[in-house]
Amino acid sequence: MRPVPSDRTRGNDAGVVPTAFPKRGERRNEIMSGYLNKAQLIGNLGADPETRTMQNGGQVVTLSVATSESWRDQASGERRTRTEWHRVVIFNEGLGRLADQYLTKGAKVYVEGMLRTRKWQDAEGHDRYSTEIHLTPYNGTLTFLDPRKSGEGAPADGSPHDPGNDVSY
């Protein structure tokens, strides 16, 4: 009996047939679910954050984030740009307060959340669909990418910092 050649890409240094891979048609018990719902964006706000109160009293903050790509048109040599608009909905109250307090139109942000598509009806009763990026209390990231403006974060009247006014999340 001849040994099987070594296959380093599969971690088979012993010269034996690998048993880590299932045979055709064989099913294995998997630990991971095999699904991932994640959206990541780096873009600029198209408007100031919009805050609303839900029926249960919780706050929701909505952001309109623009992402752009540019390229040179091969036929004409002109520079082309395409902008996509994304609706980001923050259900995390602490994160929403920070966004509402510090973000303004034009601010650069990194957003990571889950894609959700919701169905709604327009004024004429037609079904419409909107895909949004949801930032929930345990599943979402919002990072401010613009440097702080001078004086931002310090009280305007020059009084000392009061930790009781800090926003925790």
C-alpha atoms as a PDB file:
ATOM      1  CA  MET A   1       0.000   0.000   0.000  1.00  0.00           C
ATOM      2  CA  ARG A   2       1.417   3.388  -1.053  1.00  0.00           C
ATOM      3  CA  PRO A   3       1.105   6.467   1.181  1.00  0.00           C
ATOM      4  CA  VAL A   4      -1.072   9.353   0.015  1.00  0.00           C
ATOM      5  CA  PRO A   5       0.988  12.431  -0.941  1.00  0.00           C
ATOM      6  CA  SER A   6       1.129  15.247   1.611  1.00  0.00           C
ATOM      7  CA  ASP A   7      -1.416  18.059   1.118  1.00  0.00           C
ATOM      8  CA  ARG A   8      -0.399  21.106   3.157  1.00  0.00           C
ATOM      9  CA  THR A   9      -3.444  23.151   2.095  1.00  0.00           C
ATOM     10  CA  ARG A  10      -5.639  20.739   4.032  1.00  0.00           C
ATOM     11  CA  GLY A  11      -3.237  20.363   6.942  1.00  0.00           C
ATOM     12  CA  ASN A  12      -2.461  16.747   6.007  1.00  0.00           C
ATOM     13  CA  ASP A  13       1.210  16.377   6.890  1.00  0.00           C
ATOM     14  CA  ALA A  14       0.986  12.750   8.007  1.00  0.00           C
ATOM     15  CA  GLY A  15       0.414  11.299   4.553  1.00  0.00           C
ATOM     16  CA  VAL A  16      -3.022   9.906   5.367  1.00  0.00           C
ATOM     17  CA  VAL A  17      -6.355  10.545   3.677  1.00  0.00           C
ATOM     18  CA  PRO A  18      -8.010  13.575   5.299  1.00  0.00           C
ATOM     19  CA  THR A  19     -11.179  12.805   7.258  1.00  0.00           C
ATOM     20  CA  ALA A  20     -12.103  16.396   8.140  1.00  0.00           C
ATOM     21  CA  PHE A  21     -14.117  16.907   4.980  1.00  0.00           C
ATOM     22  CA  PRO A  22     -17.540  15.302   4.560  1.00  0.00           C
ATOM     23  CA  LYS A  23     -18.043  12.784   1.812  1.00  0.00           C
ATOM     24  CA  ARG A  24     -20.439  13.620  -1.005  1.00  0.00           C
ATOM     25  CA  GLY A  25     -24.002  13.660   0.298  1.00  0.00           C
ATOM     26  CA  GLU A  26     -22.887  13.355   3.933  1.00  0.00           C
ATOM     27  CA  ARG A  27     -24.384  15.919   6.337  1.00  0.00           C
ATOM     28  CA  ARG A  28     -22.453  17.231   9.325  1.00  0.00           C
ATOM     29  CA  ASN A  29     -23.691  18.809  12.516  1.00  0.00           C
ATOM     30  CA  GLU A  30     -22.684  22.465  12.167  1.00  0.00           C
ATOM     31  CA  ILE A  31     -22.190  24.875  15.047  1.00  0.00           C
ATOM     32  CA  MET A  32     -22.624  28.094  13.043  1.00  0.00           C
ATOM     33  CA  SER A  33     -25.994  29.053  11.636  1.00  0.00           C
ATOM     34  CA  GLY A  34     -24.524  29.842   8.217  1.00  0.00           C
ATOM     35  CA  TYR A  35     -26.286  33.213   7.963  1.00  0.00           C
ATOM     36  CA  LEU A  36     -24.972  36.744   8.276  1.00  0.00           C
ATOM     37  CA  ASN A  37     -26.959  39.959   8.038  1.00  0.00           C
ATOM     38  CA  LYS A  38     -24.500  42.852   8.266  1.00  0.00           C
ATOM     39  CA  ALA A  39     -24.152  46.138   6.427  1.00  0.00           C
ATOM     40  CA  GLN A  40     -21.131  48.424   6.741  1.00  0.00           C
ATOM     41  CA  LEU A  41     -20.997  51.968   5.369  1.00  0.00           C
ATOM     42  CA  ILE A  42     -18.650  54.915   5.429  1.00  0.00           C
ATOM     43  CA  GLY A  43     -20.381  58.028   4.205  1.00  0.00           C
ATOM     44  CA  ASN A  44     -21.618  61.533   4.899  1.00  0.00           C
ATOM     45  CA  LEU A  45     -24.895  62.636   6.447  1.00  0.00           C
ATOM     46  CA  GLY A  46     -27.232  64.272   3.959  1.00  0.00           C
ATOM     47  CA  ALA A  47     -29.221  66.006   6.708  1.00  0.00           C
ATOM     48  CA  ASP A  48     -29.207  66.512  10.461  1.00  0.00           C
ATOM     49  CA  PRO A  49     -30.379  63.451  12.440  1.00  0.00           C
ATOM     50  CA  GLU A  50     -34.154  63.181  12.794  1.00  0.00           C
ATOM     51  CA  THR A  51     -35.471  62.088  16.210  1.00  0.00           C
ATOM     52  CA  ARG A  52     -38.947  60.661  16.761  1.00  0.00           C
ATOM     53  CA  THR A  53     -40.736  59.073  19.706  1.00  0.00           C
ATOM     54  CA  MET A  54     -42.322  55.650  19.234  1.00  0.00           C
ATOM     55  CA  GLN A  55     -45.726  54.673  20.648  1.00  0.00           C
ATOM     56  CA  ASN A  56     -44.008  52.815  23.507  1.00  0.00           C
ATOM     57  CA  GLY A  57     -42.107  55.983  24.498  1.00  0.00           C
ATOM     58  CA  GLY A  58     -38.715  54.929  23.117  1.00  0.00           C
ATOM     59  CA  GLN A  59     -36.754  57.214  20.850  1.00  0.00           C
ATOM     60  CA  VAL A  60     -35.688  56.438  17.286  1.00  0.00           C
ATOM     61  CA  VAL A  61     -33.087  58.445  15.398  1.00  0.00           C
ATOM     62  CA  THR A  62     -32.953  58.316  11.603  1.00  0.00           C
ATOM     63  CA  LEU A  63     -29.903  59.212   9.530  1.00  0.00           C
ATOM     64  CA  SER A  64     -29.625  59.710   5.794  1.00  0.00           C
ATOM     65  CA  VAL A  65     -26.151  58.566   4.747  1.00  0.00           C
ATOM     66  CA  ALA A  66     -24.650  59.138   1.285  1.00  0.00           C
ATOM     67  CA  THR A  67     -21.934  56.920  -0.145  1.00  0.00           C
ATOM     68  CA  SER A  68     -20.238  57.830  -3.411  1.00  0.00           C
ATOM     69  CA  GLU A  69     -18.044  56.127  -5.941  1.00  0.00           C
ATOM     70  CA  SER A  70     -16.180  57.787  -8.778  1.00  0.00           C
ATOM     71  CA  TRP A  71     -14.451  56.557 -11.906  1.00  0.00           C
ATOM     72  CA  ARG A  72     -13.125  57.819 -15.200  1.00  0.00           C
ATOM     73  CA  ASP A  73     -15.328  57.045 -18.197  1.00  0.00           C
ATOM     74  CA  GLN A  74     -13.206  55.096 -20.688  1.00  0.00           C
ATOM     75  CA  ALA A  75     -15.070  56.395 -23.739  1.00  0.00           C
ATOM     76  CA  SER A  76     -15.027  60.126 -22.953  1.00  0.00           C
ATOM     77  CA  GLY A  77     -12.307  60.348 -20.306  1.00  0.00           C
ATOM     78  CA  GLU A  78     -14.690  62.301 -18.062  1.00  0.00           C
ATOM     79  CA  ARG A  79     -14.794  61.798 -14.318  1.00  0.00           C
ATOM     80  CA  ARG A  80     -18.119  60.189 -13.282  1.00  0.00           C
ATOM     81  CA  THR A  81     -19.645  59.961  -9.823  1.00  0.00           C
ATOM     82  CA  ARG A  82     -22.558  57.926  -8.504  1.00  0.00           C
ATOM     83  CA  THR A  83     -24.094  58.560  -5.075  1.00  0.00           C
ATOM     84  CA  GLU A  84     -26.238  56.048  -3.199  1.00  0.00           C
ATOM     85  CA  TRP A  85     -28.473  57.103  -0.307  1.00  0.00           C
ATOM     86  CA  HIS A  86     -28.993  54.845   2.700  1.00  0.00           C
ATOM     87  CA  ARG A  87     -31.511  55.163   5.505  1.00  0.00           C
ATOM     88  CA  VAL A  88     -30.039  54.270   8.912  1.00  0.00           C
ATOM     89  CA  VAL A  89     -32.404  53.790  11.858  1.00  0.00           C
ATOM     90  CA  ILE A  90     -30.970  53.831  15.391  1.00  0.00           C
ATOM     91  CA  PHE A  91     -33.056  52.005  18.018  1.00  0.00           C
ATOM     92  CA  ASN A  92     -30.276  52.187  20.635  1.00  0.00           C
ATOM     93  CA  GLU A  93     -31.304  55.143  22.847  1.00  0.00           C
ATOM     94  CA  GLY A  94     -27.782  55.962  24.088  1.00  0.00           C
ATOM     95  CA  LEU A  95     -26.329  55.852  20.589  1.00  0.00           C
ATOM     96  CA  GLY A  96     -29.296  57.842  19.292  1.00  0.00           C
ATOM     97  CA  ARG A  97     -28.755  60.582  21.889  1.00  0.00           C
ATOM     98  CA  LEU A  98     -25.089  60.855  20.900  1.00  0.00           C
ATOM     99  CA  ALA A  99     -25.958  60.999  17.197  1.00  0.00           C
ATOM    100  CA  ASP A 100     -28.637  63.634  17.787  1.00  0.00           C
ATOM    101  CA  GLN A 101     -26.337  65.699  19.986  1.00  0.00           C
ATOM    102  CA  TYR A 102     -23.111  65.623  17.966  1.00  0.00           C
ATOM    103  CA  LEU A 103     -23.875  64.806  14.318  1.00  0.00           C
ATOM    104  CA  THR A 104     -24.827  67.407  11.735  1.00  0.00           C
ATOM    105  CA  LYS A 105     -25.329  67.480   7.988  1.00  0.00           C
ATOM    106  CA  GLY A 106     -22.092  66.611   6.167  1.00  0.00           C
ATOM    107  CA  ALA A 107     -20.530  64.667   9.063  1.00  0.00           C
ATOM    108  CA  LYS A 108     -18.547  61.576   8.054  1.00  0.00           C
ATOM    109  CA  VAL A 109     -19.614  58.377   9.849  1.00  0.00           C
ATOM    110  CA  TYR A 110     -18.959  54.648   9.904  1.00  0.00           C
ATOM    111  CA  VAL A 111     -22.161  52.635  10.353  1.00  0.00           C
ATOM    112  CA  GLU A 112     -22.490  48.902  10.954  1.00  0.00           C
ATOM    113  CA  GLY A 113     -25.880  47.289  11.418  1.00  0.00           C
ATOM    114  CA  MET A 114     -28.434  44.822  10.082  1.00  0.00           C
ATOM    115  CA  LEU A 115     -30.409  45.163   6.852  1.00  0.00           C
ATOM    116  CA  ARG A 116     -34.175  45.220   7.288  1.00  0.00           C
ATOM    117  CA  THR A 117     -36.840  45.621   4.635  1.00  0.00           C
ATOM    118  CA  ARG A 118     -40.193  46.950   5.746  1.00  0.00           C
ATOM    119  CA  LYS A 119     -43.466  47.058   3.872  1.00  0.00           C
ATOM    120  CA  TRP A 120     -45.722  50.100   3.984  1.00  0.00           C
ATOM    121  CA  GLN A 121     -48.560  51.645   1.984  1.00  0.00           C
ATOM    122  CA  ASP A 122     -48.454  54.994   0.236  1.00  0.00           C
ATOM    123  CA  ALA A 123     -51.322  57.513   0.170  1.00  0.00           C
ATOM    124  CA  GLU A 124     -52.946  55.683  -2.759  1.00  0.00           C
ATOM    125  CA  GLY A 125     -52.873  52.321  -0.953  1.00  0.00           C
ATOM    126  CA  HIS A 126     -50.041  50.797  -3.020  1.00  0.00           C
ATOM    127  CA  ASP A 127     -47.575  48.529  -1.235  1.00  0.00           C
ATOM    128  CA  ARG A 128     -44.090  50.003  -0.978  1.00  0.00           C
ATOM    129  CA  TYR A 129     -40.875  48.544   0.400  1.00  0.00           C
ATOM    130  CA  SER A 130     -37.957  50.300   2.090  1.00  0.00           C
ATOM    131  CA  THR A 131     -34.640  48.723   2.975  1.00  0.00           C
ATOM    132  CA  GLU A 132     -32.944  50.248   6.000  1.00  0.00           C
ATOM    133  CA  ILE A 133     -29.895  49.629   8.141  1.00  0.00           C
ATOM    134  CA  HIS A 134     -30.974  49.053  11.738  1.00  0.00           C
ATOM    135  CA  LEU A 135     -28.726  49.739  14.717  1.00  0.00           C
ATOM    136  CA  THR A 136     -30.249  47.940  17.686  1.00  0.00           C
ATOM    137  CA  PRO A 137     -29.087  48.001  21.329  1.00  0.00           C
ATOM    138  CA  TYR A 138     -26.881  44.914  20.971  1.00  0.00           C
ATOM    139  CA  ASN A 139     -26.203  44.856  17.255  1.00  0.00           C
ATOM    140  CA  GLY A 140     -24.927  48.088  15.796  1.00  0.00           C
ATOM    141  CA  THR A 141     -21.985  50.437  15.579  1.00  0.00           C
ATOM    142  CA  LEU A 142     -21.820  54.139  14.862  1.00  0.00           C
ATOM    143  CA  THR A 143     -18.406  55.808  14.719  1.00  0.00           C
ATOM    144  CA  PHE A 144     -17.892  59.524  14.168  1.00  0.00           C
ATOM    145  CA  LEU A 145     -15.037  59.890  11.673  1.00  0.00           C
ATOM    146  CA  ASP A 146     -14.739  63.678  11.603  1.00  0.00           C
ATOM    147  CA  PRO A 147     -12.247  65.224  14.039  1.00  0.00           C
ATOM    148  CA  ARG A 148     -13.814  67.131  16.932  1.00  0.00           C
ATOM    149  CA  LYS A 149     -14.207  70.842  16.340  1.00  0.00           C
ATOM    150  CA  SER A 150     -12.251  73.082  18.722  1.00  0.00           C
ATOM    151  CA  GLY A 151     -14.170  73.646  21.920  1.00  0.00           C
ATOM    152  CA  GLU A 152     -16.645  70.851  21.209  1.00  0.00           C
ATOM    153  CA  GLY A 153     -17.367  68.797  24.281  1.00  0.00           C
ATOM    154  CA  ALA A 154     -16.423  71.626  26.659  1.00  0.00           C
ATOM    155  CA  PRO A 155     -19.178  73.743  28.213  1.00  0.00           C
ATOM    156  CA  ALA A 156     -19.697  77.043  26.387  1.00  0.00           C
ATOM    157  CA  ASP A 157     -19.705  79.053  29.620  1.00  0.00           C
ATOM    158  CA  GLY A 158     -16.259  77.765  30.629  1.00  0.00           C
ATOM    159  CA  SER A 159     -17.557  75.907  33.686  1.00  0.00           C
ATOM    160  CA  PRO A 160     -15.739  72.698  34.713  1.00  0.00           C
ATOM    161  CA  HIS A 161     -16.747  69.305  33.342  1.00  0.00           C
ATOM    162  CA  ASP A 162     -19.670  67.671  35.170  1.00  0.00           C
ATOM    163  CA  PRO A 163     -19.572  63.834  34.844  1.00  0.00           C
ATOM    164  CA  GLY A 164     -23.274  63.745  35.788  1.00  0.00           C
ATOM    165  CA  ASN A 165     -24.090  65.175  32.349  1.00  0.00           C
ATOM    166  CA  ASP A 166     -22.237  62.439  30.450  1.00  0.00           C
ATOM    167  CA  VAL A 167     -24.315  60.148  28.242  1.00  0.00           C
ATOM    168  CA  SER A 168     -23.801  56.467  29.001  1.00  0.00           C
ATOM    169  CA  TYR A 169     -24.714  53.682  26.603  1.00  0.00           C
END
